[in-house]
PDB file of all heavy atoms in Angstrom:
ATOM      1  N   VAL A   1      42.344   9.945  31.643  1.00  0.00           N
ATOM      2  CA  VAL A   1      43.099  11.145  31.338  1.00  0.00           C
ATOM      3  C   VAL A   1      43.028  12.109  32.515  1.00  0.00           C
ATOM      4  O   VAL A   1      44.010  12.743  32.882  1.00  0.00           O
ATOM      5  CB  VAL A   1      42.575  11.776  30.092  1.00  0.00           C
ATOM      6  CG1 VAL A   1      43.187  13.165  29.889  1.00  0.00           C
ATOM      7  CG2 VAL A   1      42.862  10.914  28.853  1.00  0.00           C
ATOM      8  N   SER A   2      41.840  12.173  33.149  1.00  0.00           N
ATOM      9  CA  SER A   2      41.646  13.136  34.249  1.00  0.00           C
ATOM     10  C   SER A   2      42.505  12.768  35.433  1.00  0.00           C
ATOM     11  O   SER A   2      42.722  13.651  36.324  1.00  0.00           O
ATOM     12  CB  SER A   2      40.157  13.188  34.622  1.00  0.00           C
ATOM     13  OG  SER A   2      39.765  11.986  35.307  1.00  0.00           O
ATOM     14  N   GLN A   3      42.977  11.565  35.540  1.00  0.00           N
ATOM     15  CA  GLN A   3      43.795  11.171  36.676  1.00  0.00           C
ATOM     16  C   GLN A   3      45.085  11.996  36.767  1.00  0.00           C
ATOM     17  O   GLN A   3      45.612  12.229  37.868  1.00  0.00           O
ATOM     18  CB  GLN A   3      44.139   9.708  36.621  1.00  0.00           C
ATOM     19  CG  GLN A   3      42.975   8.769  36.863  1.00  0.00           C
ATOM     20  CD  GLN A   3      43.352   7.329  36.654  1.00  0.00           C
ATOM     21  OE1 GLN A   3      44.515   6.988  36.454  1.00  0.00           O
ATOM     22  NE2 GLN A   3      42.381   6.430  36.717  1.00  0.00           N
ATOM     23  N   PHE A   4      45.581  12.491  35.623  1.00  0.00           N
ATOM     24  CA  PHE A   4      46.799  13.269  35.664  1.00  0.00           C
ATOM     25  C   PHE A   4      46.660  14.554  36.435  1.00  0.00           C
ATOM     26  O   PHE A   4      47.647  15.145  36.886  1.00  0.00           O
ATOM     27  CB  PHE A   4      47.263  13.563  34.216  1.00  0.00           C
ATOM     28  CG  PHE A   4      47.746  12.312  33.501  1.00  0.00           C
ATOM     29  CD1 PHE A   4      46.947  11.703  32.596  1.00  0.00           C
ATOM     30  CD2 PHE A   4      49.006  11.798  33.764  1.00  0.00           C
ATOM     31  CE1 PHE A   4      47.405  10.529  31.910  1.00  0.00           C
ATOM     32  CE2 PHE A   4      49.448  10.683  33.091  1.00  0.00           C
ATOM     33  CZ  PHE A   4      48.657  10.047  32.168  1.00  0.00           C
ATOM     34  N   ALA A   5      45.387  15.021  36.588  1.00  0.00           N
ATOM     35  CA  ALA A   5      45.181  16.286  37.270  1.00  0.00           C
ATOM     36  C   ALA A   5      44.834  16.057  38.753  1.00  0.00           C
ATOM     37  O   ALA A   5      44.591  16.970  39.496  1.00  0.00           O
ATOM     38  CB  ALA A   5      44.012  17.043  36.618  1.00  0.00           C
ATOM     39  N   LYS A   6      44.875  14.846  39.211  1.00  0.00           N
ATOM     40  CA  LYS A   6      44.435  14.517  40.561  1.00  0.00           C
ATOM     41  C   LYS A   6      45.505  14.715  41.642  1.00  0.00           C
ATOM     42  O   LYS A   6      45.189  14.745  42.801  1.00  0.00           O
ATOM     43  CB  LYS A   6      43.864  13.075  40.639  1.00  0.00           C
ATOM     44  CG  LYS A   6      42.535  12.937  39.921  1.00  0.00           C
ATOM     45  CD  LYS A   6      41.955  11.523  40.097  1.00  0.00           C
ATOM     46  CE  LYS A   6      40.612  11.404  39.495  1.00  0.00           C
ATOM     47  NZ  LYS A   6      40.057  10.039  39.719  1.00  0.00           N
ATOM     48  N   GLY A   7      46.732  14.774  41.239  1.00  0.00           N
ATOM     49  CA  GLY A   7      47.776  14.939  42.240  1.00  0.00           C
ATOM     50  C   GLY A   7      48.038  13.678  43.026  1.00  0.00           C
ATOM     51  O   GLY A   7      47.826  12.574  42.582  1.00  0.00           O
ATOM     52  N   ALA A   8      48.518  13.853  44.270  1.00  0.00           N
ATOM     53  CA  ALA A   8      48.968  12.782  45.085  1.00  0.00           C
ATOM     54  C   ALA A   8      47.934  12.252  46.106  1.00  0.00           C
ATOM     55  O   ALA A   8      48.263  11.544  47.024  1.00  0.00           O
ATOM     56  CB  ALA A   8      50.246  13.153  45.783  1.00  0.00           C
ATOM     57  N   ALA A   9      46.709  12.663  45.967  1.00  0.00           N
ATOM     58  CA  ALA A   9      45.704  12.236  46.926  1.00  0.00           C
ATOM     59  C   ALA A   9      45.491  10.755  46.906  1.00  0.00           C
ATOM     60  O   ALA A   9      45.666  10.057  45.854  1.00  0.00           O
ATOM     61  CB  ALA A   9      44.343  12.947  46.605  1.00  0.00           C
ATOM     62  N   ILE A  10      45.078  10.152  48.019  1.00  0.00           N
ATOM     63  CA  ILE A  10      44.801   8.718  48.132  1.00  0.00           C
ATOM     64  C   ILE A  10      43.686   8.374  47.121  1.00  0.00           C
ATOM     65  O   ILE A  10      42.745   9.136  46.964  1.00  0.00           O
ATOM     66  CB  ILE A  10      44.378   8.323  49.551  1.00  0.00           C
ATOM     67  CG1 ILE A  10      45.453   8.758  50.563  1.00  0.00           C
ATOM     68  CG2 ILE A  10      44.102   6.850  49.645  1.00  0.00           C
ATOM     69  CD1 ILE A  10      46.758   8.109  50.356  1.00  0.00           C
ATOM     70  N   ASN A  11      43.772   7.275  46.417  1.00  0.00           N
ATOM     71  CA  ASN A  11      42.837   6.756  45.441  1.00  0.00           C
ATOM     72  C   ASN A  11      42.869   7.555  44.147  1.00  0.00           C
ATOM     73  O   ASN A  11      41.917   7.458  43.332  1.00  0.00           O
ATOM     74  CB  ASN A  11      41.383   6.789  45.990  1.00  0.00           C
ATOM     75  CG  ASN A  11      41.218   5.848  47.195  1.00  0.00           C
ATOM     76  OD1 ASN A  11      41.828   4.802  47.273  1.00  0.00           O
ATOM     77  ND2 ASN A  11      40.346   6.238  48.115  1.00  0.00           N
ATOM     78  N   SER A  12      43.906   8.345  43.894  1.00  0.00           N
ATOM     79  CA  SER A  12      43.943   9.146  42.679  1.00  0.00           C
ATOM     80  C   SER A  12      43.951   8.288  41.434  1.00  0.00           C
ATOM     81  O   SER A  12      43.621   8.790  40.347  1.00  0.00           O
ATOM     82  CB  SER A  12      45.191  10.047  42.698  1.00  0.00           C
ATOM     83  OG  SER A  12      46.382   9.279  42.731  1.00  0.00           O
ATOM     84  N   GLN A  13      44.326   6.995  41.557  1.00  0.00           N
ATOM     85  CA  GLN A  13      44.360   6.144  40.384  1.00  0.00           C
ATOM     86  C   GLN A  13      43.009   5.528  40.067  1.00  0.00           C
ATOM     87  O   GLN A  13      42.825   4.841  39.010  1.00  0.00           O
ATOM     88  CB  GLN A  13      45.353   5.021  40.618  1.00  0.00           C
ATOM     89  CG  GLN A  13      44.872   3.824  41.483  1.00  0.00           C
ATOM     90  CD  GLN A  13      44.831   4.140  42.942  1.00  0.00           C
ATOM     91  OE1 GLN A  13      45.075   5.246  43.429  1.00  0.00           O
ATOM     92  NE2 GLN A  13      44.519   3.136  43.801  1.00  0.00           N
ATOM     93  N   LEU A  14      41.993   5.711  40.946  1.00  0.00           N
ATOM     94  CA  LEU A  14      40.721   5.080  40.745  1.00  0.00           C
ATOM     95  C   LEU A  14      39.718   5.933  39.988  1.00  0.00           C
ATOM     96  O   LEU A  14      39.630   7.136  40.184  1.00  0.00           O
ATOM     97  CB  LEU A  14      40.096   4.738  42.133  1.00  0.00           C
ATOM     98  CG  LEU A  14      40.862   3.736  42.991  1.00  0.00           C
ATOM     99  CD1 LEU A  14      40.158   3.542  44.321  1.00  0.00           C
ATOM    100  CD2 LEU A  14      41.070   2.398  42.272  1.00  0.00           C
ATOM    101  N   THR A  15      38.960   5.320  39.057  1.00  0.00           N
ATOM    102  CA  THR A  15      37.856   5.932  38.380  1.00  0.00           C
ATOM    103  C   THR A  15      36.564   5.390  38.984  1.00  0.00           C
ATOM    104  O   THR A  15      36.578   4.408  39.763  1.00  0.00           O
ATOM    105  CB  THR A  15      37.873   5.622  36.852  1.00  0.00           C
ATOM    106  OG1 THR A  15      37.585   4.203  36.664  1.00  0.00           O
ATOM    107  CG2 THR A  15      39.184   5.978  36.262  1.00  0.00           C
ATOM    108  N   TRP A  16      35.435   6.004  38.619  1.00  0.00           N
ATOM    109  CA  TRP A  16      34.165   5.466  39.065  1.00  0.00           C
ATOM    110  C   TRP A  16      33.965   4.042  38.602  1.00  0.00           C
ATOM    111  O   TRP A  16      33.403   3.177  39.283  1.00  0.00           O
ATOM    112  CB  TRP A  16      32.957   6.332  38.672  1.00  0.00           C
ATOM    113  CG  TRP A  16      31.684   5.622  38.846  1.00  0.00           C
ATOM    114  CD1 TRP A  16      30.803   5.224  37.895  1.00  0.00           C
ATOM    115  CD2 TRP A  16      31.126   5.094  40.067  1.00  0.00           C
ATOM    116  NE1 TRP A  16      29.728   4.524  38.401  1.00  0.00           N
ATOM    117  CE2 TRP A  16      29.911   4.427  39.740  1.00  0.00           C
ATOM    118  CE3 TRP A  16      31.528   5.082  41.367  1.00  0.00           C
ATOM    119  CZ2 TRP A  16      29.117   3.787  40.724  1.00  0.00           C
ATOM    120  CZ3 TRP A  16      30.725   4.491  42.346  1.00  0.00           C
ATOM    121  CH2 TRP A  16      29.532   3.857  41.996  1.00  0.00           C
ATOM    122  N   GLY A  17      34.401   3.784  37.388  1.00  0.00           N
ATOM    123  CA  GLY A  17      34.286   2.384  36.855  1.00  0.00           C
ATOM    124  C   GLY A  17      35.012   1.396  37.765  1.00  0.00           C
ATOM    125  O   GLY A  17      34.464   0.281  38.027  1.00  0.00           O
ATOM    126  N   ASP A  18      36.169   1.786  38.282  1.00  0.00           N
ATOM    127  CA  ASP A  18      36.913   0.906  39.196  1.00  0.00           C
ATOM    128  C   ASP A  18      36.153   0.730  40.514  1.00  0.00           C
ATOM    129  O   ASP A  18      35.972  -0.358  41.007  1.00  0.00           O
ATOM    130  CB  ASP A  18      38.274   1.480  39.537  1.00  0.00           C
ATOM    131  CG  ASP A  18      39.182   1.666  38.330  1.00  0.00           C
ATOM    132  OD1 ASP A  18      39.122   0.808  37.445  1.00  0.00           O
ATOM    133  OD2 ASP A  18      39.930   2.653  38.267  1.00  0.00           O
ATOM    134  N   VAL A  19      35.670   1.898  41.077  1.00  0.00           N
ATOM    135  CA  VAL A  19      35.014   1.821  42.375  1.00  0.00           C
ATOM    136  C   VAL A  19      33.677   1.114  42.298  1.00  0.00           C
ATOM    137  O   VAL A  19      33.299   0.327  43.113  1.00  0.00           O
ATOM    138  CB  VAL A  19      34.852   3.266  42.955  1.00  0.00           C
ATOM    139  CG1 VAL A  19      34.062   3.237  44.268  1.00  0.00           C
ATOM    140  CG2 VAL A  19      36.238   3.894  43.180  1.00  0.00           C
ATOM    141  N   GLY A  20      32.903   1.455  41.236  1.00  0.00           N
ATOM    142  CA  GLY A  20      31.575   0.832  41.050  1.00  0.00           C
ATOM    143  C   GLY A  20      31.628  -0.660  40.954  1.00  0.00           C
ATOM    144  O   GLY A  20      30.654  -1.373  41.323  1.00  0.00           O
ATOM    145  N   ALA A  21      32.754  -1.208  40.434  1.00  0.00           N
ATOM    146  CA  ALA A  21      32.854  -2.647  40.280  1.00  0.00           C
ATOM    147  C   ALA A  21      33.351  -3.349  41.556  1.00  0.00           C
ATOM    148  O   ALA A  21      33.254  -4.594  41.627  1.00  0.00           O
ATOM    149  CB  ALA A  21      33.873  -2.952  39.108  1.00  0.00           C
ATOM    150  N   MET A  22      33.764  -2.554  42.524  1.00  0.00           N
ATOM    151  CA  MET A  22      34.185  -3.188  43.810  1.00  0.00           C
ATOM    152  C   MET A  22      32.955  -3.833  44.463  1.00  0.00           C
ATOM    153  O   MET A  22      31.834  -3.412  44.241  1.00  0.00           O
ATOM    154  CB  MET A  22      34.758  -2.121  44.749  1.00  0.00           C
ATOM    155  CG  MET A  22      36.078  -1.550  44.309  1.00  0.00           C
ATOM    156  SD  MET A  22      36.646  -0.278  45.455  1.00  0.00           S
ATOM    157  CE  MET A  22      38.188   0.210  44.681  1.00  0.00           C
ATOM    158  N   LYS A  23      33.194  -4.884  45.209  1.00  0.00           N
ATOM    159  CA  LYS A  23      32.070  -5.613  45.864  1.00  0.00           C
ATOM    160  C   LYS A  23      32.192  -5.503  47.404  1.00  0.00           C
ATOM    161  O   LYS A  23      33.269  -5.620  47.987  1.00  0.00           O
ATOM    162  CB  LYS A  23      32.038  -7.043  45.434  1.00  0.00           C
ATOM    163  CG  LYS A  23      31.646  -7.232  43.965  1.00  0.00           C
ATOM    164  CD  LYS A  23      31.441  -8.709  43.628  1.00  0.00           C
ATOM    165  CE  LYS A  23      30.986  -8.833  42.186  1.00  0.00           C
ATOM    166  NZ  LYS A  23      30.724 -10.244  41.798  1.00  0.00           N
ATOM    167  N   VAL A  24      31.024  -5.234  47.998  1.00  0.00           N
ATOM    168  CA  VAL A  24      30.879  -5.220  49.449  1.00  0.00           C
ATOM    169  C   VAL A  24      29.748  -6.196  49.767  1.00  0.00           C
ATOM    170  O   VAL A  24      28.659  -6.029  49.264  1.00  0.00           O
ATOM    171  CB  VAL A  24      30.559  -3.844  49.993  1.00  0.00           C
ATOM    172  CG1 VAL A  24      30.371  -3.885  51.524  1.00  0.00           C
ATOM    173  CG2 VAL A  24      31.723  -2.888  49.661  1.00  0.00           C
ATOM    174  N   SER A  25      30.008  -7.147  50.625  1.00  0.00           N
ATOM    175  CA  SER A  25      29.052  -8.182  50.975  1.00  0.00           C
ATOM    176  C   SER A  25      28.498  -8.872  49.728  1.00  0.00           C
ATOM    177  O   SER A  25      27.281  -9.168  49.628  1.00  0.00           O
ATOM    178  CB  SER A  25      27.892  -7.590  51.821  1.00  0.00           C
ATOM    179  OG  SER A  25      28.392  -7.085  53.022  1.00  0.00           O
ATOM    180  N   GLY A  26      29.361  -9.015  48.746  1.00  0.00           N
ATOM    181  CA  GLY A  26      28.964  -9.740  47.505  1.00  0.00           C
ATOM    182  C   GLY A  26      28.245  -8.925  46.460  1.00  0.00           C
ATOM    183  O   GLY A  26      27.907  -9.431  45.422  1.00  0.00           O
ATOM    184  N   ARG A  27      28.006  -7.615  46.750  1.00  0.00           N
ATOM    185  CA  ARG A  27      27.269  -6.760  45.803  1.00  0.00           C
ATOM    186  C   ARG A  27      28.168  -5.688  45.273  1.00  0.00           C
ATOM    187  O   ARG A  27      28.917  -5.040  45.969  1.00  0.00           O
ATOM    188  CB  ARG A  27      26.077  -6.139  46.522  1.00  0.00           C
ATOM    189  CG  ARG A  27      25.049  -7.143  47.027  1.00  0.00           C
ATOM    190  CD  ARG A  27      23.908  -6.397  47.635  1.00  0.00           C
ATOM    191  NE  ARG A  27      22.835  -7.295  48.080  1.00  0.00           N
ATOM    192  CZ  ARG A  27      22.773  -7.797  49.309  1.00  0.00           C
ATOM    193  NH1 ARG A  27      23.708  -7.493  50.242  1.00  0.00           N
ATOM    194  NH2 ARG A  27      21.787  -8.604  49.666  1.00  0.00           N
ATOM    195  N   PRO A  28      28.069  -5.357  43.943  1.00  0.00           N
ATOM    196  CA  PRO A  28      28.857  -4.241  43.366  1.00  0.00           C
ATOM    197  C   PRO A  28      28.480  -2.926  44.030  1.00  0.00           C
ATOM    198  O   PRO A  28      27.286  -2.679  44.276  1.00  0.00           O
ATOM    199  CB  PRO A  28      28.466  -4.273  41.889  1.00  0.00           C
ATOM    200  CG  PRO A  28      27.921  -5.657  41.633  1.00  0.00           C
ATOM    201  CD  PRO A  28      27.272  -6.071  42.916  1.00  0.00           C
ATOM    202  N   VAL A  29      29.419  -2.113  44.257  1.00  0.00           N
ATOM    203  CA  VAL A  29      29.186  -0.785  44.890  1.00  0.00           C
ATOM    204  C   VAL A  29      28.224   0.072  44.010  1.00  0.00           C
ATOM    205  O   VAL A  29      27.419   0.817  44.545  1.00  0.00           O
ATOM    206  CB  VAL A  29      30.531  -0.049  45.086  1.00  0.00           C
ATOM    207  CG1 VAL A  29      30.330   1.417  45.454  1.00  0.00           C
ATOM    208  CG2 VAL A  29      31.329  -0.783  46.139  1.00  0.00           C
TER     209      VAL A  29
END
């Protein structure tokens, strides 16, 4: 819901859940 207030900034569609699940060198962020 909070994404609607984020405007047009890059990554405005991402939540911490999305980012935390990303993997770098095989490990979740």
